[in-house]
Amino acid sequence: MPRLLQTIFKFVFFLAIGLFFVWLSIKDFNAKQREEIIEYITAANYWLIIPIAILLVISNILRAARWRLLILPLQYHPRLFNVFAAVMIGYLTNLAIPRAGEISRCGVLSRYEKIPVDKLIGTMIAERAVDVLSLLVLLLLSVLIQLDVVGDFFFHHFLRRQSAGTRPHHPWLFFAIVGLLILFFWIVIRYFSHLRIYRKIRISVIRIGRGFRTVLHMKGNIWFFIYTLLIWIVYLVMVKIGFYCLPETQHLGLKAALAVLTFGSVGMMMPTQGGIGPYQLIVEKILTLFSLQAKISVAMSWILWIAQMGLYLVIGFIILLLLPLVNPTRHDSAKT
């Protein structure tokens, strides 16, 4: 199959998956409720896009500076703007073809900084390893500080309460779920280790472990972790500001913002354009746990997604136009 047809097929396939999840998120609403959701979205305070845009740029400058720390030990010294541009173009690419952004950003930086792509891919794996582990830590933190909310979620959606007066003991419910997950993974390792998919997952986990060890042993790793912490703090503030777009969500605090950020990030990682579909479905379910009406939760999930993806689209295209102007000739980093 020609490469162009492959690209078109991937675009359509992943978009179809995303639209299916979008349908899942709104299928239980009638026509009037869907109109109200659209009214909430159109009536949102979009002036708040300005501070969100500033924070989004700051977060990705931090991400670029962090990635640059991993490149420096390779004896290459790329310009921070070029690293930032590669990161933004990577996000732009993901809006078309999911998971292609990681490779495209390595390609962009290789082109303008003369760094071998295979070396950049190694640094990218290390960076992603820290992102995955930090997200897991934040997910656990979000659950632990909101056991009552999470307990209600599992109680209503999985345990199917038998009587109105019966409630679970939330801490024990949490540890029971953790125990079941451990048992599940033990069964998978014990009886399904011969399967190809298991071997692929195992290789991915090994790569993540190696990437994390690379960060731990690199010079200046303290700054790497400081940048990582600052990135997540900026993300959290962006979500909190997003809540002020609607009067009905302005009361939501940092706990709700952390839950939306962490679980929403899982949705963003799904193989659809910008996480469309899974992100809305997950964020909707999370926000309803904080006593919001379902239609408001759906509207806020779309507002947060539109703000982020719209900014990545606009800023990404601007960077795409600026990059050749800033680099009239391909910048050749001196290898020392």
C-alpha atoms as a PDB file:
ATOM      1  CA  MET A   1       0.000   0.000   0.000  1.00  0.00           C
ATOM      2  CA  PRO A   2       1.428   3.465  -0.918  1.00  0.00           C
ATOM      3  CA  ARG A   3       2.547   5.585   2.047  1.00  0.00           C
ATOM      4  CA  LEU A   4      -0.078   8.274   1.328  1.00  0.00           C
ATOM      5  CA  LEU A   5      -2.881   5.702   1.443  1.00  0.00           C
ATOM      6  CA  GLN A   6      -1.448   4.273   4.682  1.00  0.00           C
ATOM      7  CA  THR A   7      -1.464   7.751   6.215  1.00  0.00           C
ATOM      8  CA  ILE A   8      -5.046   8.393   5.109  1.00  0.00           C
ATOM      9  CA  PHE A   9      -6.152   4.998   6.418  1.00  0.00           C
ATOM     10  CA  LYS A  10      -4.521   5.637   9.822  1.00  0.00           C
ATOM     11  CA  PHE A  11      -6.117   9.072  10.049  1.00  0.00           C
ATOM     12  CA  VAL A  12      -9.598   7.758   9.242  1.00  0.00           C
ATOM     13  CA  PHE A  13      -9.214   4.666  11.445  1.00  0.00           C
ATOM     14  CA  PHE A  14      -8.091   6.528  14.562  1.00  0.00           C
ATOM     15  CA  LEU A  15     -10.640   9.287  13.992  1.00  0.00           C
ATOM     16  CA  ALA A  16     -13.390   6.649  13.751  1.00  0.00           C
ATOM     17  CA  ILE A  17     -12.289   5.238  17.123  1.00  0.00           C
ATOM     18  CA  GLY A  18     -12.378   8.714  18.633  1.00  0.00           C
ATOM     19  CA  LEU A  19     -15.817   9.477  17.240  1.00  0.00           C
ATOM     20  CA  PHE A  20     -17.099   6.189  18.644  1.00  0.00           C
ATOM     21  CA  PHE A  21     -16.020   7.293  22.130  1.00  0.00           C
ATOM     22  CA  VAL A  22     -17.593  10.701  21.517  1.00  0.00           C
ATOM     23  CA  TRP A  23     -20.846   8.902  20.732  1.00  0.00           C
ATOM     24  CA  LEU A  24     -20.522   6.878  23.929  1.00  0.00           C
ATOM     25  CA  SER A  25     -20.191  10.092  25.939  1.00  0.00           C
ATOM     26  CA  ILE A  26     -23.383  11.676  24.562  1.00  0.00           C
ATOM     27  CA  LYS A  27     -25.591   8.727  23.581  1.00  0.00           C
ATOM     28  CA  ASP A  28     -27.734   8.945  26.728  1.00  0.00           C
ATOM     29  CA  PHE A  29     -28.668  12.599  26.155  1.00  0.00           C
ATOM     30  CA  ASN A  30     -31.803  13.634  24.287  1.00  0.00           C
ATOM     31  CA  ALA A  31     -31.854  16.366  21.633  1.00  0.00           C
ATOM     32  CA  LYS A  32     -32.733  19.143  24.104  1.00  0.00           C
ATOM     33  CA  GLN A  33     -29.916  18.162  26.462  1.00  0.00           C
ATOM     34  CA  ARG A  34     -27.424  18.101  23.589  1.00  0.00           C
ATOM     35  CA  GLU A  35     -28.493  21.611  22.626  1.00  0.00           C
ATOM     36  CA  GLU A  36     -27.921  22.706  26.221  1.00  0.00           C
ATOM     37  CA  ILE A  37     -24.427  21.174  26.146  1.00  0.00           C
ATOM     38  CA  ILE A  38     -23.625  23.176  23.012  1.00  0.00           C
ATOM     39  CA  GLU A  39     -25.001  26.319  24.690  1.00  0.00           C
ATOM     40  CA  TYR A  40     -22.702  25.765  27.689  1.00  0.00           C
ATOM     41  CA  ILE A  41     -19.713  25.332  25.370  1.00  0.00           C
ATOM     42  CA  THR A  42     -20.481  28.449  23.306  1.00  0.00           C
ATOM     43  CA  ALA A  43     -21.232  30.575  26.398  1.00  0.00           C
ATOM     44  CA  ALA A  44     -17.936  29.712  28.130  1.00  0.00           C
ATOM     45  CA  ASN A  45     -15.525  32.494  29.083  1.00  0.00           C
ATOM     46  CA  TYR A  46     -12.919  32.004  26.381  1.00  0.00           C
ATOM     47  CA  TRP A  47     -10.896  35.040  27.509  1.00  0.00           C
ATOM     48  CA  LEU A  48      -9.308  32.583  29.909  1.00  0.00           C
ATOM     49  CA  ILE A  49      -7.646  31.038  26.855  1.00  0.00           C
ATOM     50  CA  ILE A  50      -5.036  33.804  27.157  1.00  0.00           C
ATOM     51  CA  PRO A  51      -3.550  32.732  30.528  1.00  0.00           C
ATOM     52  CA  ILE A  52      -3.980  29.081  29.530  1.00  0.00           C
ATOM     53  CA  ALA A  53      -2.031  29.754  26.313  1.00  0.00           C
ATOM     54  CA  ILE A  54       0.773  31.422  28.277  1.00  0.00           C
ATOM     55  CA  LEU A  55       0.937  28.485  30.685  1.00  0.00           C
ATOM     56  CA  LEU A  56       0.850  25.985  27.817  1.00  0.00           C
ATOM     57  CA  VAL A  57       3.867  27.680  26.206  1.00  0.00           C
ATOM     58  CA  ILE A  58       5.672  27.745  29.568  1.00  0.00           C
ATOM     59  CA  SER A  59       4.960  24.046  30.160  1.00  0.00           C
ATOM     60  CA  ASN A  60       6.406  23.118  26.783  1.00  0.00           C
ATOM     61  CA  ILE A  61       9.449  25.347  27.222  1.00  0.00           C
ATOM     62  CA  LEU A  62      10.027  23.407  30.445  1.00  0.00           C
ATOM     63  CA  ARG A  63       9.508  20.160  28.535  1.00  0.00           C
ATOM     64  CA  ALA A  64      11.987  21.292  25.882  1.00  0.00           C
ATOM     65  CA  ALA A  65      14.553  22.272  28.519  1.00  0.00           C
ATOM     66  CA  ARG A  66      14.087  18.881  30.169  1.00  0.00           C
ATOM     67  CA  TRP A  67      14.553  17.013  26.882  1.00  0.00           C
ATOM     68  CA  ARG A  68      17.648  19.118  26.163  1.00  0.00           C
ATOM     69  CA  LEU A  69      19.171  17.875  29.436  1.00  0.00           C
ATOM     70  CA  LEU A  70      18.988  14.334  28.048  1.00  0.00           C
ATOM     71  CA  ILE A  71      20.625  15.386  24.778  1.00  0.00           C
ATOM     72  CA  LEU A  72      23.576  17.262  26.298  1.00  0.00           C
ATOM     73  CA  PRO A  73      25.382  14.090  27.524  1.00  0.00           C
ATOM     74  CA  LEU A  74      25.460  12.965  23.872  1.00  0.00           C
ATOM     75  CA  GLN A  75      27.815  15.921  23.280  1.00  0.00           C
ATOM     76  CA  TYR A  76      25.280  17.866  21.218  1.00  0.00           C
ATOM     77  CA  HIS A  77      24.110  21.331  22.217  1.00  0.00           C
ATOM     78  CA  PRO A  78      20.824  22.108  20.437  1.00  0.00           C
ATOM     79  CA  ARG A  79      19.258  25.547  20.670  1.00  0.00           C
ATOM     80  CA  LEU A  80      16.366  25.653  23.121  1.00  0.00           C
ATOM     81  CA  PHE A  81      14.058  27.202  20.514  1.00  0.00           C
ATOM     82  CA  ASN A  82      14.664  24.310  18.121  1.00  0.00           C
ATOM     83  CA  VAL A  83      13.960  21.776  20.860  1.00  0.00           C
ATOM     84  CA  PHE A  84      10.780  23.666  21.811  1.00  0.00           C
ATOM     85  CA  ALA A  85       9.755  23.822  18.152  1.00  0.00           C
ATOM     86  CA  ALA A  86      10.287  20.060  17.768  1.00  0.00           C
ATOM     87  CA  VAL A  87       8.097  19.393  20.819  1.00  0.00           C
ATOM     88  CA  MET A  88       5.277  21.612  19.515  1.00  0.00           C
ATOM     89  CA  ILE A  89       5.430  20.107  16.021  1.00  0.00           C
ATOM     90  CA  GLY A  90       5.272  16.678  17.651  1.00  0.00           C
ATOM     91  CA  TYR A  91       1.979  17.617  19.305  1.00  0.00           C
ATOM     92  CA  LEU A  92       0.744  19.023  16.005  1.00  0.00           C
ATOM     93  CA  THR A  93       1.556  15.738  14.282  1.00  0.00           C
ATOM     94  CA  ASN A  94      -0.315  13.759  16.941  1.00  0.00           C
ATOM     95  CA  LEU A  95      -3.447  15.715  16.036  1.00  0.00           C
ATOM     96  CA  ALA A  96      -3.282  14.064  12.622  1.00  0.00           C
ATOM     97  CA  ILE A  97      -1.725  10.660  13.282  1.00  0.00           C
ATOM     98  CA  PRO A  98      -1.675   9.459  16.913  1.00  0.00           C
ATOM     99  CA  ARG A  99       1.706   8.283  18.236  1.00  0.00           C
ATOM    100  CA  ALA A 100       3.473   9.755  15.181  1.00  0.00           C
ATOM    101  CA  GLY A 101       4.423  12.904  17.072  1.00  0.00           C
ATOM    102  CA  GLU A 102       7.251  11.259  19.009  1.00  0.00           C
ATOM    103  CA  ILE A 103       9.022  10.251  15.806  1.00  0.00           C
ATOM    104  CA  SER A 104       8.289  13.536  14.018  1.00  0.00           C
ATOM    105  CA  ARG A 105       9.770  15.660  16.786  1.00  0.00           C
ATOM    106  CA  CYS A 106      12.954  13.593  16.668  1.00  0.00           C
ATOM    107  CA  GLY A 107      13.013  14.063  12.898  1.00  0.00           C
ATOM    108  CA  VAL A 108      12.569  17.843  13.172  1.00  0.00           C
ATOM    109  CA  LEU A 109      15.352  18.220  15.718  1.00  0.00           C
ATOM    110  CA  SER A 110      17.622  15.913  13.738  1.00  0.00           C
ATOM    111  CA  ARG A 111      17.090  18.029  10.639  1.00  0.00           C
ATOM    112  CA  TYR A 112      17.909  21.369  12.256  1.00  0.00           C
ATOM    113  CA  GLU A 113      20.520  20.236  14.767  1.00  0.00           C
ATOM    114  CA  LYS A 114      22.260  17.403  12.881  1.00  0.00           C
ATOM    115  CA  ILE A 115      21.698  14.912  15.695  1.00  0.00           C
ATOM    116  CA  PRO A 116      21.221  11.256  14.655  1.00  0.00           C
ATOM    117  CA  VAL A 117      17.568  10.239  14.964  1.00  0.00           C
ATOM    118  CA  ASP A 118      18.394   6.955  16.712  1.00  0.00           C
ATOM    119  CA  LYS A 119      20.126   8.846  19.523  1.00  0.00           C
ATOM    120  CA  LEU A 120      17.178  11.210  19.890  1.00  0.00           C
ATOM    121  CA  ILE A 121      14.763   8.280  20.064  1.00  0.00           C
ATOM    122  CA  GLY A 122      16.764   6.923  22.997  1.00  0.00           C
ATOM    123  CA  THR A 123      16.410  10.225  24.863  1.00  0.00           C
ATOM    124  CA  MET A 124      12.708  10.329  24.020  1.00  0.00           C
ATOM    125  CA  ILE A 125      12.200   6.863  25.546  1.00  0.00           C
ATOM    126  CA  ALA A 126      13.933   8.025  28.724  1.00  0.00           C
ATOM    127  CA  GLU A 127      11.745  11.127  28.869  1.00  0.00           C
ATOM    128  CA  ARG A 128       8.551   9.143  28.295  1.00  0.00           C
ATOM    129  CA  ALA A 129       9.574   6.668  30.998  1.00  0.00           C
ATOM    130  CA  VAL A 130       9.621   9.458  33.573  1.00  0.00           C
ATOM    131  CA  ASP A 131       6.304  10.811  32.254  1.00  0.00           C
ATOM    132  CA  VAL A 132       4.638   7.404  32.615  1.00  0.00           C
ATOM    133  CA  LEU A 133       5.987   6.823  36.124  1.00  0.00           C
ATOM    134  CA  SER A 134       5.143  10.344  37.294  1.00  0.00           C
ATOM    135  CA  LEU A 135       1.605   9.954  35.912  1.00  0.00           C
ATOM    136  CA  LEU A 136       1.211   6.672  37.802  1.00  0.00           C
ATOM    137  CA  VAL A 137       2.365   8.378  41.005  1.00  0.00           C
ATOM    138  CA  LEU A 138      -0.086  11.243  40.489  1.00  0.00           C
ATOM    139  CA  LEU A 139      -2.907   8.814  39.722  1.00  0.00           C
ATOM    140  CA  LEU A 140      -2.213   6.990  42.974  1.00  0.00           C
ATOM    141  CA  LEU A 141      -2.039  10.306  44.851  1.00  0.00           C
ATOM    142  CA  SER A 142      -5.316  11.449  43.305  1.00  0.00           C
ATOM    143  CA  VAL A 143      -6.997   8.225  44.427  1.00  0.00           C
ATOM    144  CA  LEU A 144      -5.553   8.258  47.944  1.00  0.00           C
ATOM    145  CA  ILE A 145      -6.590  11.836  48.730  1.00  0.00           C
ATOM    146  CA  GLN A 146     -10.102  11.198  47.398  1.00  0.00           C
ATOM    147  CA  LEU A 147     -10.942   7.693  48.591  1.00  0.00           C
ATOM    148  CA  ASP A 148     -14.538   8.688  49.297  1.00  0.00           C
ATOM    149  CA  VAL A 149     -15.115   9.946  45.754  1.00  0.00           C
ATOM    150  CA  VAL A 150     -13.300   7.035  44.115  1.00  0.00           C
ATOM    151  CA  GLY A 151     -15.052   4.591  46.435  1.00  0.00           C
ATOM    152  CA  ASP A 152     -18.438   5.920  45.369  1.00  0.00           C
ATOM    153  CA  PHE A 153     -17.432   5.581  41.733  1.00  0.00           C
ATOM    154  CA  PHE A 154     -16.475   1.916  42.017  1.00  0.00           C
ATOM    155  CA  PHE A 155     -19.417   1.226  44.309  1.00  0.00           C
ATOM    156  CA  HIS A 156     -22.032   2.595  41.909  1.00  0.00           C
ATOM    157  CA  HIS A 157     -20.446   1.452  38.651  1.00  0.00           C
ATOM    158  CA  PHE A 158     -18.983  -1.960  39.535  1.00  0.00           C
ATOM    159  CA  LEU A 159     -20.501  -3.277  42.754  1.00  0.00           C
ATOM    160  CA  ARG A 160     -24.131  -2.376  41.925  1.00  0.00           C
ATOM    161  CA  ARG A 161     -25.464  -1.351  45.334  1.00  0.00           C
ATOM    162  CA  GLN A 162     -28.277  -3.601  46.522  1.00  0.00           C
ATOM    163  CA  SER A 163     -29.923  -1.220  48.967  1.00  0.00           C
ATOM    164  CA  ALA A 164     -29.968   2.541  49.308  1.00  0.00           C
ATOM    165  CA  GLY A 165     -28.599   2.427  52.825  1.00  0.00           C
ATOM    166  CA  THR A 166     -25.579   0.266  52.098  1.00  0.00           C
ATOM    167  CA  ARG A 167     -22.225   1.951  51.582  1.00  0.00           C
ATOM    168  CA  PRO A 168     -18.763   0.463  51.178  1.00  0.00           C
ATOM    169  CA  HIS A 169     -15.862   0.931  53.517  1.00  0.00           C
ATOM    170  CA  HIS A 170     -13.844   3.022  51.074  1.00  0.00           C
ATOM    171  CA  PRO A 171     -10.271   2.324  52.260  1.00  0.00           C
ATOM    172  CA  TRP A 172     -10.882  -1.432  52.280  1.00  0.00           C
ATOM    173  CA  LEU A 173     -12.511  -1.165  48.862  1.00  0.00           C
ATOM    174  CA  PHE A 174      -9.418   0.553  47.494  1.00  0.00           C
ATOM    175  CA  PHE A 175      -7.037  -2.063  48.864  1.00  0.00           C
ATOM    176  CA  ALA A 176      -9.336  -4.844  47.641  1.00  0.00           C
ATOM    177  CA  ILE A 177      -9.141  -3.384  44.119  1.00  0.00           C
ATOM    178  CA  VAL A 178      -5.342  -3.158  44.361  1.00  0.00           C
ATOM    179  CA  GLY A 179      -5.240  -6.780  45.506  1.00  0.00           C
ATOM    180  CA  LEU A 180      -7.384  -7.882  42.573  1.00  0.00           C
ATOM    181  CA  LEU A 181      -5.098  -6.025  40.167  1.00  0.00           C
ATOM    182  CA  ILE A 182      -2.036  -7.735  41.642  1.00  0.00           C
ATOM    183  CA  LEU A 183      -3.778 -11.113  41.313  1.00  0.00           C
ATOM    184  CA  PHE A 184      -4.687 -10.290  37.709  1.00  0.00           C
ATOM    185  CA  PHE A 185      -1.092  -9.445  36.783  1.00  0.00           C
ATOM    186  CA  TRP A 186       0.173 -12.600  38.528  1.00  0.00           C
ATOM    187  CA  ILE A 187      -2.246 -14.749  36.492  1.00  0.00           C
ATOM    188  CA  VAL A 188      -1.183 -13.020  33.266  1.00  0.00           C
ATOM    189  CA  ILE A 189       2.520 -13.577  34.018  1.00  0.00           C
ATOM    190  CA  ARG A 190       1.956 -17.148  35.172  1.00  0.00           C
ATOM    191  CA  TYR A 191      -0.260 -18.429  32.347  1.00  0.00           C
ATOM    192  CA  PHE A 192       0.059 -16.035  29.387  1.00  0.00           C
ATOM    193  CA  SER A 193       3.777 -15.232  29.255  1.00  0.00           C
ATOM    194  CA  HIS A 194       4.133 -17.207  26.003  1.00  0.00           C
ATOM    195  CA  LEU A 195       1.830 -14.886  24.055  1.00  0.00           C
ATOM    196  CA  ARG A 196       3.281 -12.359  21.616  1.00  0.00           C
ATOM    197  CA  ILE A 197       1.331  -9.449  23.073  1.00  0.00           C
ATOM    198  CA  TYR A 198       2.736 -10.252  26.517  1.00  0.00           C
ATOM    199  CA  ARG A 199       6.285 -10.153  25.133  1.00  0.00           C
ATOM    200  CA  LYS A 200       5.615  -6.775  23.500  1.00  0.00           C
ATOM    201  CA  ILE A 201       4.276  -5.342  26.748  1.00  0.00           C
ATOM    202  CA  ARG A 202       7.258  -6.782  28.621  1.00  0.00           C
ATOM    203  CA  ILE A 203       9.685  -5.150  26.179  1.00  0.00           C
ATOM    204  CA  SER A 204       7.892  -1.815  26.642  1.00  0.00           C
ATOM    205  CA  VAL A 205       8.144  -2.107  30.429  1.00  0.00           C
ATOM    206  CA  ILE A 206      11.859  -2.969  30.167  1.00  0.00           C
ATOM    207  CA  ARG A 207      12.440   0.076  27.965  1.00  0.00           C
ATOM    208  CA  ILE A 208      10.636   2.282  30.466  1.00  0.00           C
ATOM    209  CA  GLY A 209      12.817   0.873  33.253  1.00  0.00           C
ATOM    210  CA  ARG A 210      15.988   1.488  31.270  1.00  0.00           C
ATOM    211  CA  GLY A 211      14.880   5.001  30.415  1.00  0.00           C
ATOM    212  CA  PHE A 212      14.218   5.781  34.073  1.00  0.00           C
ATOM    213  CA  ARG A 213      17.635   4.399  35.063  1.00  0.00           C
ATOM    214  CA  THR A 214      19.223   6.598  32.394  1.00  0.00           C
ATOM    215  CA  VAL A 215      17.655   9.664  34.010  1.00  0.00           C
ATOM    216  CA  LEU A 216      18.703   8.566  37.500  1.00  0.00           C
ATOM    217  CA  HIS A 217      22.351   8.224  36.478  1.00  0.00           C
ATOM    218  CA  MET A 218      22.650  11.275  34.254  1.00  0.00           C
ATOM    219  CA  LYS A 219      24.500  14.385  35.356  1.00  0.00           C
ATOM    220  CA  GLY A 220      22.191  17.135  36.544  1.00  0.00           C
ATOM    221  CA  ASN A 221      19.243  14.791  37.046  1.00  0.00           C
ATOM    222  CA  ILE A 222      17.966  16.975  39.883  1.00  0.00           C
ATOM    223  CA  TRP A 223      17.016  19.609  37.308  1.00  0.00           C
ATOM    224  CA  PHE A 224      15.286  16.956  35.226  1.00  0.00           C
ATOM    225  CA  PHE A 225      13.005  16.109  38.137  1.00  0.00           C
ATOM    226  CA  ILE A 226      12.487  19.787  39.006  1.00  0.00           C
ATOM    227  CA  TYR A 227      11.380  20.455  35.417  1.00  0.00           C
ATOM    228  CA  THR A 228       9.075  17.425  35.595  1.00  0.00           C
ATOM    229  CA  LEU A 229       7.464  18.684  38.805  1.00  0.00           C
ATOM    230  CA  LEU A 230       7.022  22.178  37.364  1.00  0.00           C
ATOM    231  CA  ILE A 231       5.444  20.774  34.189  1.00  0.00           C
ATOM    232  CA  TRP A 232       2.771  18.940  36.176  1.00  0.00           C
ATOM    233  CA  ILE A 233       2.163  21.968  38.419  1.00  0.00           C
ATOM    234  CA  VAL A 234       1.602  24.147  35.343  1.00  0.00           C
ATOM    235  CA  TYR A 235      -0.762  21.529  33.895  1.00  0.00           C
ATOM    236  CA  LEU A 236      -2.706  21.490  37.178  1.00  0.00           C
ATOM    237  CA  VAL A 237      -3.051  25.282  37.183  1.00  0.00           C
ATOM    238  CA  MET A 238      -4.248  25.166  33.553  1.00  0.00           C
ATOM    239  CA  VAL A 239      -7.070  22.792  34.488  1.00  0.00           C
ATOM    240  CA  LYS A 240      -8.007  24.903  37.514  1.00  0.00           C
ATOM    241  CA  ILE A 241      -8.214  28.023  35.338  1.00  0.00           C
ATOM    242  CA  GLY A 242     -10.304  26.043  32.861  1.00  0.00           C
ATOM    243  CA  PHE A 243     -12.900  25.435  35.580  1.00  0.00           C
ATOM    244  CA  TYR A 244     -13.548  29.190  35.685  1.00  0.00           C
ATOM    245  CA  CYS A 245     -14.850  29.086  32.110  1.00  0.00           C
ATOM    246  CA  LEU A 246     -18.289  28.056  33.427  1.00  0.00           C
ATOM    247  CA  PRO A 247     -20.048  29.445  36.545  1.00  0.00           C
ATOM    248  CA  GLU A 248     -21.223  25.908  37.388  1.00  0.00           C
ATOM    249  CA  THR A 249     -17.631  24.609  37.714  1.00  0.00           C
ATOM    250  CA  GLN A 250     -15.921  27.572  39.368  1.00  0.00           C
ATOM    251  CA  HIS A 251     -16.318  26.019  42.820  1.00  0.00           C
ATOM    252  CA  LEU A 252     -14.249  22.944  41.927  1.00  0.00           C
ATOM    253  CA  GLY A 253     -10.971  22.807  43.835  1.00  0.00           C
ATOM    254  CA  LEU A 254      -7.500  21.419  43.323  1.00  0.00           C
ATOM    255  CA  LYS A 255      -8.600  17.860  44.133  1.00  0.00           C
ATOM    256  CA  ALA A 256     -11.028  17.897  41.238  1.00  0.00           C
ATOM    257  CA  ALA A 257      -8.384  19.531  39.029  1.00  0.00           C
ATOM    258  CA  LEU A 258      -5.881  16.814  39.950  1.00  0.00           C
ATOM    259  CA  ALA A 259      -8.409  14.072  39.176  1.00  0.00           C
ATOM    260  CA  VAL A 260      -9.246  15.618  35.799  1.00  0.00           C
ATOM    261  CA  LEU A 261      -5.559  16.151  34.998  1.00  0.00           C
ATOM    262  CA  THR A 262      -4.402  12.635  35.858  1.00  0.00           C
ATOM    263  CA  PHE A 263      -7.299  10.573  34.547  1.00  0.00           C
ATOM    264  CA  GLY A 264      -7.717  12.931  31.593  1.00  0.00           C
ATOM    265  CA  SER A 265      -4.045  12.393  30.735  1.00  0.00           C
ATOM    266  CA  VAL A 266      -4.810   8.692  30.405  1.00  0.00           C
ATOM    267  CA  GLY A 267      -7.481   9.631  27.869  1.00  0.00           C
ATOM    268  CA  MET A 268      -4.985  11.846  26.025  1.00  0.00           C
ATOM    269  CA  MET A 269      -2.680   8.840  25.693  1.00  0.00           C
ATOM    270  CA  MET A 270      -5.318   6.811  23.844  1.00  0.00           C
ATOM    271  CA  PRO A 271      -4.643   6.274  20.098  1.00  0.00           C
ATOM    272  CA  THR A 272      -7.024   8.924  18.760  1.00  0.00           C
ATOM    273  CA  GLN A 273      -6.360  12.416  17.412  1.00  0.00           C
ATOM    274  CA  GLY A 274      -5.488  14.456  20.494  1.00  0.00           C
ATOM    275  CA  GLY A 275      -7.240  11.893  22.668  1.00  0.00           C
ATOM    276  CA  ILE A 276     -10.607  12.954  21.241  1.00  0.00           C
ATOM    277  CA  GLY A 277     -13.366  10.712  22.533  1.00  0.00           C
ATOM    278  CA  PRO A 278     -11.602   8.884  25.371  1.00  0.00           C
ATOM    279  CA  TYR A 279     -10.633  12.208  26.983  1.00  0.00           C
ATOM    280  CA  GLN A 280     -14.205  13.532  26.950  1.00  0.00           C
ATOM    281  CA  LEU A 281     -15.639  10.261  28.226  1.00  0.00           C
ATOM    282  CA  ILE A 282     -13.154   9.968  31.106  1.00  0.00           C
ATOM    283  CA  VAL A 283     -13.333  13.628  32.159  1.00  0.00           C
ATOM    284  CA  GLU A 284     -17.141  13.523  32.035  1.00  0.00           C
ATOM    285  CA  LYS A 285     -17.209  10.519  34.397  1.00  0.00           C
ATOM    286  CA  ILE A 286     -14.686  12.135  36.731  1.00  0.00           C
ATOM    287  CA  LEU A 287     -16.556  15.450  36.961  1.00  0.00           C
ATOM    288  CA  THR A 288     -19.891  13.783  37.686  1.00  0.00           C
ATOM    289  CA  LEU A 289     -18.265  12.355  40.817  1.00  0.00           C
ATOM    290  CA  PHE A 290     -18.066  15.932  42.111  1.00  0.00           C
ATOM    291  CA  SER A 291     -21.862  16.366  42.015  1.00  0.00           C
ATOM    292  CA  LEU A 292     -21.998  18.071  38.621  1.00  0.00           C
ATOM    293  CA  GLN A 293     -24.853  17.463  36.207  1.00  0.00           C
ATOM    294  CA  ALA A 294     -23.832  15.160  33.398  1.00  0.00           C
ATOM    295  CA  LYS A 295     -24.482  17.775  30.704  1.00  0.00           C
ATOM    296  CA  ILE A 296     -22.220  20.282  32.481  1.00  0.00           C
ATOM    297  CA  SER A 297     -19.536  17.624  32.874  1.00  0.00           C
ATOM    298  CA  VAL A 298     -19.673  16.883  29.137  1.00  0.00           C
ATOM    299  CA  ALA A 299     -19.528  20.588  28.286  1.00  0.00           C
ATOM    300  CA  MET A 300     -16.499  21.142  30.539  1.00  0.00           C
ATOM    301  CA  SER A 301     -14.715  18.110  29.082  1.00  0.00           C
ATOM    302  CA  TRP A 302     -15.104  19.617  25.618  1.00  0.00           C
ATOM    303  CA  ILE A 303     -14.068  23.110  26.771  1.00  0.00           C
ATOM    304  CA  LEU A 304     -10.858  21.754  28.314  1.00  0.00           C
ATOM    305  CA  TRP A 305     -10.112  19.654  25.232  1.00  0.00           C
ATOM    306  CA  ILE A 306     -10.863  22.434  22.740  1.00  0.00           C
ATOM    307  CA  ALA A 307      -8.695  24.886  24.684  1.00  0.00           C
ATOM    308  CA  GLN A 308      -5.702  22.537  24.725  1.00  0.00           C
ATOM    309  CA  MET A 309      -5.947  21.111  21.218  1.00  0.00           C
ATOM    310  CA  GLY A 310      -6.880  24.458  19.683  1.00  0.00           C
ATOM    311  CA  LEU A 311      -3.802  26.048  21.208  1.00  0.00           C
ATOM    312  CA  TYR A 312      -1.561  23.188  20.099  1.00  0.00           C
ATOM    313  CA  LEU A 313      -2.960  23.561  16.586  1.00  0.00           C
ATOM    314  CA  VAL A 314      -2.466  27.336  16.395  1.00  0.00           C
ATOM    315  CA  ILE A 315       0.902  27.480  18.152  1.00  0.00           C
ATOM    316  CA  GLY A 316       2.129  24.412  16.282  1.00  0.00           C
ATOM    317  CA  PHE A 317       1.406  26.005  12.903  1.00  0.00           C
ATOM    318  CA  ILE A 318       3.056  29.269  13.969  1.00  0.00           C
ATOM    319  CA  ILE A 319       6.168  27.383  15.062  1.00  0.00           C
ATOM    320  CA  LEU A 320       6.118  25.395  11.836  1.00  0.00           C
ATOM    321  CA  LEU A 321       6.277  28.679   9.901  1.00  0.00           C
ATOM    322  CA  LEU A 322       8.876  30.277  12.183  1.00  0.00           C
ATOM    323  CA  LEU A 323      11.281  27.341  12.303  1.00  0.00           C
ATOM    324  CA  PRO A 324      12.831  27.797   8.826  1.00  0.00           C
ATOM    325  CA  LEU A 325      12.996  31.567   9.381  1.00  0.00           C
ATOM    326  CA  VAL A 326      14.880  31.170  12.648  1.00  0.00           C
ATOM    327  CA  ASN A 327      17.123  28.595  10.950  1.00  0.00           C
ATOM    328  CA  PRO A 328      17.806  30.074   7.476  1.00  0.00           C
ATOM    329  CA  THR A 329      20.502  27.472   7.122  1.00  0.00           C
ATOM    330  CA  ARG A 330      20.340  24.191   8.980  1.00  0.00           C
ATOM    331  CA  HIS A 331      21.963  24.800  12.304  1.00  0.00           C
ATOM    332  CA  ASP A 332      24.937  22.537  12.740  1.00  0.00           C
ATOM    333  CA  SER A 333      25.578  22.050  16.444  1.00  0.00           C
ATOM    334  CA  ALA A 334      29.249  21.783  17.202  1.00  0.00           C
ATOM    335  CA  LYS A 335      30.038  18.387  18.589  1.00  0.00           C
ATOM    336  CA  THR A 336      32.502  18.748  21.394  1.00  0.00           C
END
